[in-house]
Protein backbone atom coordinates (compact mmCIF):
# COMPACT_ATOMS: atom_id res chain seq x y z
CA MET A 1 18.13 22.98 0.58
CA ARG A 2 21.24 20.89 0.61
CA TYR A 3 19.37 17.42 0.63
CA PRO A 4 16.18 18.21 -0.72
CA LEU A 5 13.29 15.68 -0.43
CA ALA A 6 12.38 15.26 -4.34
CA ASN A 7 14.33 16.17 -7.26
CA SER A 8 13.17 15.55 -11.03
CA ALA A 9 14.33 13.14 -13.63
CA TRP A 10 13.17 15.40 -16.60
CA ASP A 11 15.31 16.57 -19.18
CA GLU A 12 14.89 17.64 -22.79
CA ALA A 13 13.36 14.55 -23.88
CA GLU A 14 10.28 14.99 -21.83
CA ILE A 15 10.07 18.43 -22.86
CA ALA A 16 9.81 17.55 -26.52
CA ALA A 17 7.38 15.37 -25.60
CA ILE A 18 4.96 18.05 -24.49
CA HIS A 19 5.61 20.12 -27.39
CA ARG A 20 4.48 17.17 -29.56
CA VAL A 21 1.46 16.65 -27.95
CA ILE A 22 0.63 20.43 -28.14
CA ASP A 23 1.77 20.42 -31.88
CA SER A 24 -1.03 17.57 -32.45
CA GLY A 25 -3.62 19.57 -31.12
CA MET A 26 -5.22 15.85 -28.87
CA TYR A 27 -4.40 16.91 -25.01
CA SER A 28 -6.98 14.47 -23.97
CA MET A 29 -6.12 10.59 -23.63
CA ASN A 30 -5.14 8.81 -26.77
CA GLY A 31 -2.84 7.11 -28.44
CA ARG A 32 0.14 8.06 -26.29
CA VAL A 33 -1.29 7.27 -23.17
CA ALA A 34 -2.34 3.99 -24.70
CA GLU A 35 1.04 3.48 -25.41
CA PHE A 36 2.55 4.16 -22.51
CA GLU A 37 0.04 1.67 -20.81
CA ARG A 38 1.44 -0.79 -22.98
CA ALA A 39 4.90 -0.16 -22.06
CA PHE A 40 4.47 -0.47 -18.52
CA ALA A 41 2.58 -3.32 -18.52
CA ASP A 42 5.45 -4.95 -20.06
CA TYR A 43 7.82 -3.29 -17.72
CA THR A 44 6.00 -4.65 -14.82
CA GLY A 45 5.32 -8.13 -16.70
CA SER A 46 1.33 -7.88 -16.02
CA ARG A 47 -1.19 -8.25 -19.00
CA TYR A 48 -2.92 -5.25 -18.61
CA CYS A 49 -2.26 -1.76 -17.38
CA VAL A 50 -4.84 1.09 -16.70
CA MET A 51 -3.33 4.86 -16.48
CA VAL A 52 -5.26 7.22 -14.68
CA ASN A 53 -4.89 10.66 -13.31
CA SER A 54 -3.12 10.18 -10.03
CA GLY A 55 -2.02 7.22 -7.35
CA SER A 56 -5.00 7.81 -5.35
CA SER A 57 -7.17 7.62 -8.16
CA ALA A 58 -5.51 3.76 -8.77
CA ASN A 59 -6.13 2.77 -4.95
CA LEU A 60 -10.26 4.05 -5.55
CA LEU A 61 -10.54 2.13 -9.06
CA MET A 62 -9.17 -0.84 -7.63
CA VAL A 63 -11.61 -1.16 -4.78
CA ALA A 64 -14.40 0.07 -7.00
CA ALA A 65 -13.30 -2.47 -9.46
CA LEU A 66 -13.37 -5.50 -6.70
CA ARG A 67 -17.02 -4.13 -5.77
CA TYR A 68 -18.55 -4.73 -9.34
CA ARG A 69 -17.20 -7.94 -10.71
CA LYS A 70 -19.34 -10.72 -11.12
CA GLU A 71 -17.68 -13.50 -8.78
CA ASN A 72 -17.32 -12.92 -5.42
CA PRO A 73 -17.37 -9.06 -5.35
CA LEU A 74 -16.24 -6.87 -2.42
CA LEU A 75 -19.46 -6.06 -0.79
CA PRO A 76 -19.90 -3.26 1.56
CA GLY A 77 -19.28 -4.15 5.12
CA ALA A 78 -17.19 -6.82 3.98
CA GLU A 79 -13.82 -6.48 6.14
CA VAL A 80 -10.21 -5.44 4.63
CA ILE A 81 -6.70 -5.52 6.73
CA VAL A 82 -4.89 -2.53 6.06
CA PRO A 83 -1.46 -1.76 7.75
CA ALA A 84 -1.41 1.39 10.36
CA VAL A 85 1.35 3.08 8.60
CA SER A 86 0.11 4.24 5.15
CA TRP A 87 -1.04 7.30 3.34
CA SER A 88 -4.40 8.58 3.51
CA THR A 89 -6.05 7.23 -0.04
CA THR A 90 -4.96 3.59 1.06
CA TYR A 91 -7.86 3.29 3.03
CA SER A 92 -10.45 6.23 2.12
CA PRO A 93 -11.62 3.88 -1.06
CA LEU A 94 -12.25 1.57 1.63
CA TYR A 95 -14.46 3.80 3.38
CA GLN A 96 -15.93 5.19 0.23
CA TYR A 97 -17.35 1.53 -0.79
CA GLY A 98 -18.92 0.79 2.89
CA LEU A 99 -15.99 -1.60 3.98
CA LYS A 100 -14.91 -2.58 7.14
CA LEU A 101 -11.85 -1.57 7.25
CA ARG A 102 -9.35 -3.70 10.30
CA PHE A 103 -5.62 -1.95 11.15
CA VAL A 104 -3.07 -4.17 11.95
CA ASP A 105 0.55 -3.12 13.51
CA ILE A 106 3.80 -3.15 11.20
CA ASP A 107 7.40 -4.52 11.68
CA PRO A 108 9.59 -1.97 13.13
CA ASP A 109 12.60 -3.11 10.90
CA THR A 110 10.75 -3.74 7.52
CA LEU A 111 7.96 -1.12 7.94
CA ASN A 112 5.52 -3.69 6.05
CA TYR A 113 3.07 -5.93 7.74
CA ASP A 114 4.05 -7.53 11.30
CA LEU A 115 3.46 -11.13 9.55
CA ALA A 116 2.50 -12.67 12.93
CA ALA A 117 0.03 -10.01 13.65
CA LEU A 118 -1.91 -9.94 10.12
CA GLU A 119 -1.96 -13.94 10.46
CA ALA A 120 -3.67 -13.29 13.60
CA ALA A 121 -5.76 -10.60 13.04
CA LEU A 122 -8.08 -12.52 10.17
CA THR A 123 -11.14 -13.42 10.83
CA PRO A 124 -14.18 -15.28 9.18
CA GLU A 125 -15.13 -11.97 7.93
CA THR A 126 -11.75 -10.61 6.34
CA ARG A 127 -12.71 -10.80 2.42
CA ALA A 128 -9.52 -8.85 1.29
CA ILE A 129 -6.12 -7.54 2.75
CA MET A 130 -4.53 -4.26 1.10
CA ALA A 131 -0.70 -5.07 1.07
CA VAL A 132 0.89 -1.57 1.32
CA ASN A 133 4.99 -2.00 -0.13
CA LEU A 134 6.43 1.20 2.19
CA LEU A 135 9.30 3.81 1.03
CA GLY A 136 10.46 1.15 -1.76
CA ASN A 137 10.03 -1.91 0.40
CA PRO A 138 8.38 -4.96 -0.78
CA ASN A 139 6.15 -7.22 1.03
CA ASP A 140 7.21 -10.84 2.04
CA PHE A 141 4.74 -11.66 -0.11
CA SER A 142 5.37 -15.69 0.37
CA ARG A 143 4.81 -15.77 3.77
CA ILE A 144 1.17 -13.55 2.78
CA ARG A 145 0.31 -15.98 0.56
CA SER A 146 1.09 -18.90 2.97
CA ILE A 147 -0.85 -17.04 5.67
CA VAL A 148 -3.81 -16.28 3.39
CA GLY A 149 -3.87 -20.12 2.53
CA GLY A 150 -7.30 -21.34 0.55
CA ARG A 151 -9.23 -18.95 2.33
CA PRO A 152 -11.33 -16.39 0.11
CA ILE A 153 -9.48 -12.97 0.65
CA THR A 154 -8.31 -11.29 -2.23
CA LEU A 155 -5.03 -9.41 -1.93
CA ILE A 156 -4.45 -6.13 -3.64
CA GLU A 157 -1.19 -3.87 -3.73
CA ASP A 158 -0.57 -0.24 -2.81
CA ASN A 159 2.60 -0.09 -4.64
CA CYS A 160 2.51 3.91 -5.14
CA GLU A 161 5.87 4.07 -3.38
CA SER A 162 7.68 1.04 -4.62
CA MET A 163 7.75 0.90 -8.18
CA GLY A 164 10.81 -1.13 -9.30
CA ALA A 165 10.67 -3.17 -6.67
CA VAL A 166 11.12 -6.66 -6.67
CA PHE A 167 10.70 -9.70 -4.32
CA ALA A 168 11.64 -13.43 -5.49
CA GLY A 169 12.05 -11.89 -9.17
CA ARG A 170 8.69 -10.52 -9.81
CA GLN A 171 8.07 -6.76 -10.12
CA ALA A 172 6.19 -5.54 -6.89
CA GLY A 173 2.42 -4.23 -7.51
CA THR A 174 1.69 -7.97 -9.32
CA PHE A 175 1.36 -9.71 -6.80
CA GLY A 176 -2.04 -9.22 -5.83
CA ALA A 177 -5.34 -9.29 -7.85
CA MET A 178 -4.29 -5.73 -9.06
CA GLY A 179 -1.71 -3.15 -7.89
CA SER A 180 -1.43 0.99 -8.15
CA PHE A 181 1.50 2.99 -8.95
CA SER A 182 2.05 6.60 -8.62
CA ALA A 183 3.58 9.03 -10.98
CA PHE A 184 3.94 11.51 -8.60
CA PHE A 185 6.65 14.63 -8.79
CA SER A 186 8.32 13.01 -5.66
CA HIS A 187 8.01 9.38 -7.00
CA HIS A 188 10.38 7.19 -8.94
CA ILE A 189 9.20 8.42 -12.40
CA SER A 190 6.83 11.52 -12.73
CA THR A 191 4.05 12.13 -15.39
CA MET A 192 3.46 15.33 -13.68
CA GLU A 193 0.37 13.95 -12.12
CA GLY A 194 -0.32 10.26 -12.74
CA GLY A 195 -0.99 6.71 -11.98
CA MET A 196 -1.24 3.41 -12.98
CA ILE A 197 -3.12 -0.37 -12.27
CA VAL A 198 -1.82 -3.30 -13.14
CA THR A 199 -3.59 -6.92 -13.57
CA ASP A 200 -3.83 -10.23 -15.35
CA ASP A 201 -7.41 -10.58 -15.14
CA GLU A 202 -9.12 -9.61 -18.10
CA GLU A 203 -12.21 -9.10 -16.34
CA LEU A 204 -11.23 -6.79 -13.87
CA HIS A 205 -9.02 -4.83 -16.52
CA HIS A 206 -12.51 -3.97 -18.38
CA ILE A 207 -14.09 -2.85 -15.16
CA LEU A 208 -11.63 -0.13 -14.44
CA LEU A 209 -11.49 0.64 -18.38
CA CYS A 210 -15.21 1.80 -17.85
CA LEU A 211 -14.61 3.31 -14.28
CA ARG A 212 -12.10 5.20 -15.43
CA ALA A 213 -14.45 7.28 -17.82
CA HIS A 214 -18.11 8.02 -16.52
CA GLY A 215 -18.90 4.42 -16.60
CA TRP A 216 -19.54 4.23 -20.23
CA THR A 217 -18.74 1.52 -22.68
CA ARG A 218 -17.11 3.65 -25.24
CA ASN A 219 -13.48 2.59 -24.20
CA LEU A 220 -14.40 -1.26 -23.95
CA PRO A 221 -14.07 -3.95 -26.80
CA LYS A 222 -17.02 -4.95 -28.46
CA GLU A 223 -16.87 -8.69 -26.64
CA ASN A 224 -16.02 -7.47 -23.06
CA ARG A 225 -16.40 -8.71 -19.81
CA VAL A 226 -18.53 -5.70 -18.54
CA THR A 227 -21.63 -6.01 -20.74
CA SER A 228 -23.52 -7.71 -23.42
CA PRO A 229 -21.72 -7.52 -26.81
CA LYS A 230 -21.35 -3.70 -27.56
CA SER A 231 -23.46 -2.27 -30.47
CA ASP A 232 -21.58 -1.78 -33.99
CA ASP A 233 -23.62 1.54 -33.70
CA SER A 234 -20.83 3.87 -32.64
CA PHE A 235 -23.93 6.66 -32.01
CA THR A 236 -25.96 4.22 -29.46
CA GLU A 237 -22.88 3.11 -27.71
CA SER A 238 -21.37 6.89 -26.98
CA PHE A 239 -23.47 7.96 -24.21
CA ARG A 240 -23.98 3.98 -22.55
CA PHE A 241 -23.87 3.95 -18.80
CA VAL A 242 -23.47 0.76 -17.29
CA LEU A 243 -21.18 1.32 -13.80
CA PRO A 244 -21.51 3.69 -11.79
CA GLY A 245 -17.81 5.35 -12.51
CA TYR A 246 -15.60 8.65 -12.69
CA ASN A 247 -13.70 10.80 -15.10
CA VAL A 248 -10.21 10.15 -13.50
CA ARG A 249 -8.54 10.04 -17.10
CA PRO A 250 -5.10 11.08 -17.51
CA LEU A 251 -3.61 13.68 -20.40
CA GLU A 252 -2.21 12.67 -23.57
CA MET A 253 0.64 14.44 -22.14
CA SER A 254 1.07 12.72 -19.10
CA GLY A 255 1.36 9.34 -21.85
CA ALA A 256 3.68 11.18 -23.70
CA ILE A 257 5.95 11.69 -20.49
CA GLY A 258 5.13 8.50 -19.35
CA LEU A 259 6.81 7.10 -22.09
CA GLU A 260 9.94 9.14 -21.92
CA GLN A 261 10.51 8.36 -17.99
CA ILE A 262 9.69 4.64 -18.31
CA GLY A 263 13.14 4.45 -20.60
CA LYS A 264 15.14 6.05 -17.92
CA LEU A 265 13.34 3.92 -14.93
CA PRO A 266 16.02 1.06 -15.10
CA MET A 267 18.59 3.67 -14.17
CA ILE A 268 16.67 5.24 -11.88
CA ILE A 269 16.42 2.25 -9.84
CA ARG A 270 19.89 1.23 -10.24
CA GLU A 271 20.76 4.59 -8.82
CA ARG A 272 19.03 4.67 -5.98
CA ARG A 273 19.71 1.30 -4.94
CA ALA A 274 23.40 2.59 -5.42
CA ASN A 275 22.22 5.46 -2.92
CA ALA A 276 20.92 3.28 -0.28
CA ALA A 277 23.84 1.34 0.04
CA ARG A 278 26.14 4.69 1.30
CA PHE A 279 23.19 5.79 3.38
CA LEU A 280 23.24 2.13 5.08
CA ASP A 281 26.76 2.27 5.07
CA LEU A 282 27.02 6.04 6.88
CA VAL A 283 24.17 5.63 9.28
CA SER A 284 25.61 2.73 10.23
CA ASP A 285 28.33 4.62 12.18
CA TYR A 286 24.97 5.85 14.35
CA PRO A 287 23.66 3.36 16.30
CA PHE A 288 21.03 5.59 17.87
CA ILE A 289 19.73 5.63 13.97
CA ARG A 290 17.25 2.53 12.58
CA PRO A 291 17.18 2.33 9.12
CA GLN A 292 14.36 0.18 7.01
CA THR A 293 15.46 -3.32 6.71
CA GLU A 294 15.01 -4.12 3.05
CA ILE A 295 12.82 -6.98 1.63
CA GLY A 296 13.86 -8.19 -1.36
CA GLN A 297 14.97 -5.13 -3.95
CA SER A 298 13.62 -2.35 -2.34
CA SER A 299 13.79 0.52 -5.26
CA TRP A 300 14.56 2.55 -1.85
CA PHE A 301 11.37 5.62 -2.50
CA GLY A 302 13.19 7.37 0.55
CA PHE A 303 15.60 6.46 3.77
CA SER A 304 13.70 6.06 6.62
CA MET A 305 15.07 6.78 10.31
CA VAL A 306 13.63 5.72 13.62
CA ILE A 307 15.34 7.24 16.60
CA GLU A 308 15.88 4.28 19.37
CA ARG A 309 14.10 4.88 22.30
CA GLU A 310 17.11 4.17 24.49
CA SER A 311 19.55 6.63 22.67
CA GLY A 312 18.08 9.87 24.42
CA LEU A 313 17.60 11.80 21.67
CA THR A 314 14.03 13.58 21.11
CA ARG A 315 12.93 13.95 17.51
CA PRO A 316 13.07 17.47 17.81
CA ALA A 317 16.72 17.57 18.18
CA LEU A 318 17.41 15.75 15.19
CA LEU A 319 14.84 17.61 12.87
CA ALA A 320 16.59 20.90 14.34
CA SER A 321 19.89 19.61 13.34
CA LEU A 322 18.72 18.34 9.96
CA ALA A 323 17.32 21.86 9.44
CA GLN A 324 20.47 23.30 10.02
CA SER A 325 22.42 21.33 7.78
CA GLY A 326 19.66 21.70 4.98
CA VAL A 327 18.48 18.20 5.13
CA GLU A 328 14.82 18.27 3.90
CA VAL A 329 12.68 15.42 5.70
CA ARG A 330 9.19 14.26 6.35
CA PRO A 331 6.90 12.22 9.17
CA ILE A 332 7.00 8.21 7.98
CA VAL A 333 4.29 8.47 5.47
CA ALA A 334 1.43 9.66 7.35
CA GLY A 335 2.56 7.82 11.24
CA ASN A 336 0.09 5.70 12.56
CA PHE A 337 -3.14 6.44 10.95
CA ALA A 338 -5.22 5.31 12.78
CA LYS A 339 -4.61 8.39 15.24
CA ASN A 340 -6.19 10.93 12.47
CA GLU A 341 -9.31 12.41 13.16
CA VAL A 342 -10.90 10.74 9.72
CA VAL A 343 -11.00 7.82 11.58
CA ARG A 344 -14.01 8.79 13.29
CA TYR A 345 -15.81 8.28 10.11
CA PHE A 346 -14.48 4.53 9.34
CA ASP A 347 -16.28 1.52 10.59
CA HIS A 348 -13.04 0.00 11.46
CA THR A 349 -11.25 -2.31 14.53
CA ILE A 350 -7.80 -2.59 15.58
CA HIS A 351 -5.81 -6.07 15.80
CA GLY A 352 -3.96 -6.00 19.53
CA SER A 353 -2.27 -2.89 19.69
CA LEU A 354 -0.37 -0.59 17.06
CA ALA A 355 2.78 -0.25 19.41
CA VAL A 356 4.94 -0.05 16.72
CA ALA A 357 2.80 2.66 14.25
CA ASP A 358 2.97 4.57 17.73
CA GLU A 359 6.85 4.38 17.46
CA ILE A 360 7.13 5.42 14.21
CA ASP A 361 4.96 7.97 14.74
CA ARG A 362 6.67 9.34 18.01
CA ASN A 363 10.33 9.05 16.67
CA GLY A 364 10.59 8.28 12.75
CA LEU A 365 11.20 10.46 9.73
CA PHE A 366 12.59 9.99 6.44
CA ILE A 367 14.71 11.64 3.44
CA GLY A 368 14.80 11.76 0.14
CA ASN A 369 16.55 9.80 -2.98
CA HIS A 370 17.20 10.56 -6.21
CA HIS A 371 18.60 9.18 -9.64
CA TYR A 372 21.74 10.48 -9.04
CA PRO A 373 24.91 9.65 -6.73
CA LEU A 374 24.36 11.31 -3.16
CA GLY A 375 27.66 13.30 -2.53
CA ASP A 376 27.26 16.18 -0.96
CA GLU A 377 23.55 14.98 -0.08
CA LEU A 378 24.97 12.61 2.62
CA ALA A 379 27.57 14.89 3.73
CA ALA A 380 25.07 17.03 5.26
CA LEU A 381 23.13 14.13 6.74
CA ARG A 382 26.27 13.14 8.50
CA GLU A 383 26.89 16.23 9.54
CA ALA A 384 23.34 16.63 10.99
CA LEU A 385 24.00 13.35 12.65
CA ASP A 386 27.60 14.25 13.91
CA ARG A 387 26.22 17.13 15.48
CA VAL A 388 23.39 15.36 17.63
CA ARG A 389 25.61 11.95 18.56
CA ARG A 390 25.54 11.33 22.43
């Protein structure tokens, strides 16, 4: 591939970090994970961060934590608004906790919520909104706050694709009660596998700590918001289970790698944004391609391209040309997720039509972005677009 979808920002620092963990003999979650959590919380401007084994697990624990909070728990049957375009594990935790999904269409330019549709989709049963910041692009949270107003609706963010994005001077992933992040290989930073949840809510933080490891009390402070004060007898507290939890702990290696990666994150975001300016300048020469419109300061996970319907160009023709030029391509996340067979298991409704999600599903694709200047890569893209120019 002349232009791969993803690449590694690792160097000898990450390899050395792995070897330090090996030399320590402590591979399970320990001090380096805790240190990374503090560093990531500081980066996002959050009070708390909980690291887990993936962004998907981060979404699962976010939804679970809302179920077990003491005030206004998110109980089975409650309605949650979701965008029609996202990844499978945006939706699956909601199904797994017995919640009713309400699909809403997206904006054709930003690829985030169609905000007018979002406002119209709210019902008296709506108890939560899952905001998905797609491909690095934050939502317009000022407008979403205005839409929610004084309603008893909890906002949570799936920010797995948008680490480092900023809206109104604030990091994406920090506008809701909780926000999830991913550190998978193809994402802004990579800890092999890994995910994070940030929150400013102490109770949610304690619930997340409990849910992450078996539902036991071992990782909770003595005075905590989940259960009565812990016993000072460590034997008594060793196997005390208070919530229906999981084991989604990260490895100590992931925390150690994360500490190296987060130091590079400002550079990674800067280079991705510089590449985005080059990409947008390039595609301005090809009116049959519609790129994503930035909200705030996108961290540009990748570059979406939607073929304009009136152009006469077909997606198979564009895909063939991109392949010929060595440009790796994927659908825009999962396209219109409501068309997937798995949705037959969901308790769900669809607000209005999902016409834009359908368009993205038929005519959309995205290519990669990286932490270094895309010179030869964008030349390959131009070659492919020239080949199909009409």
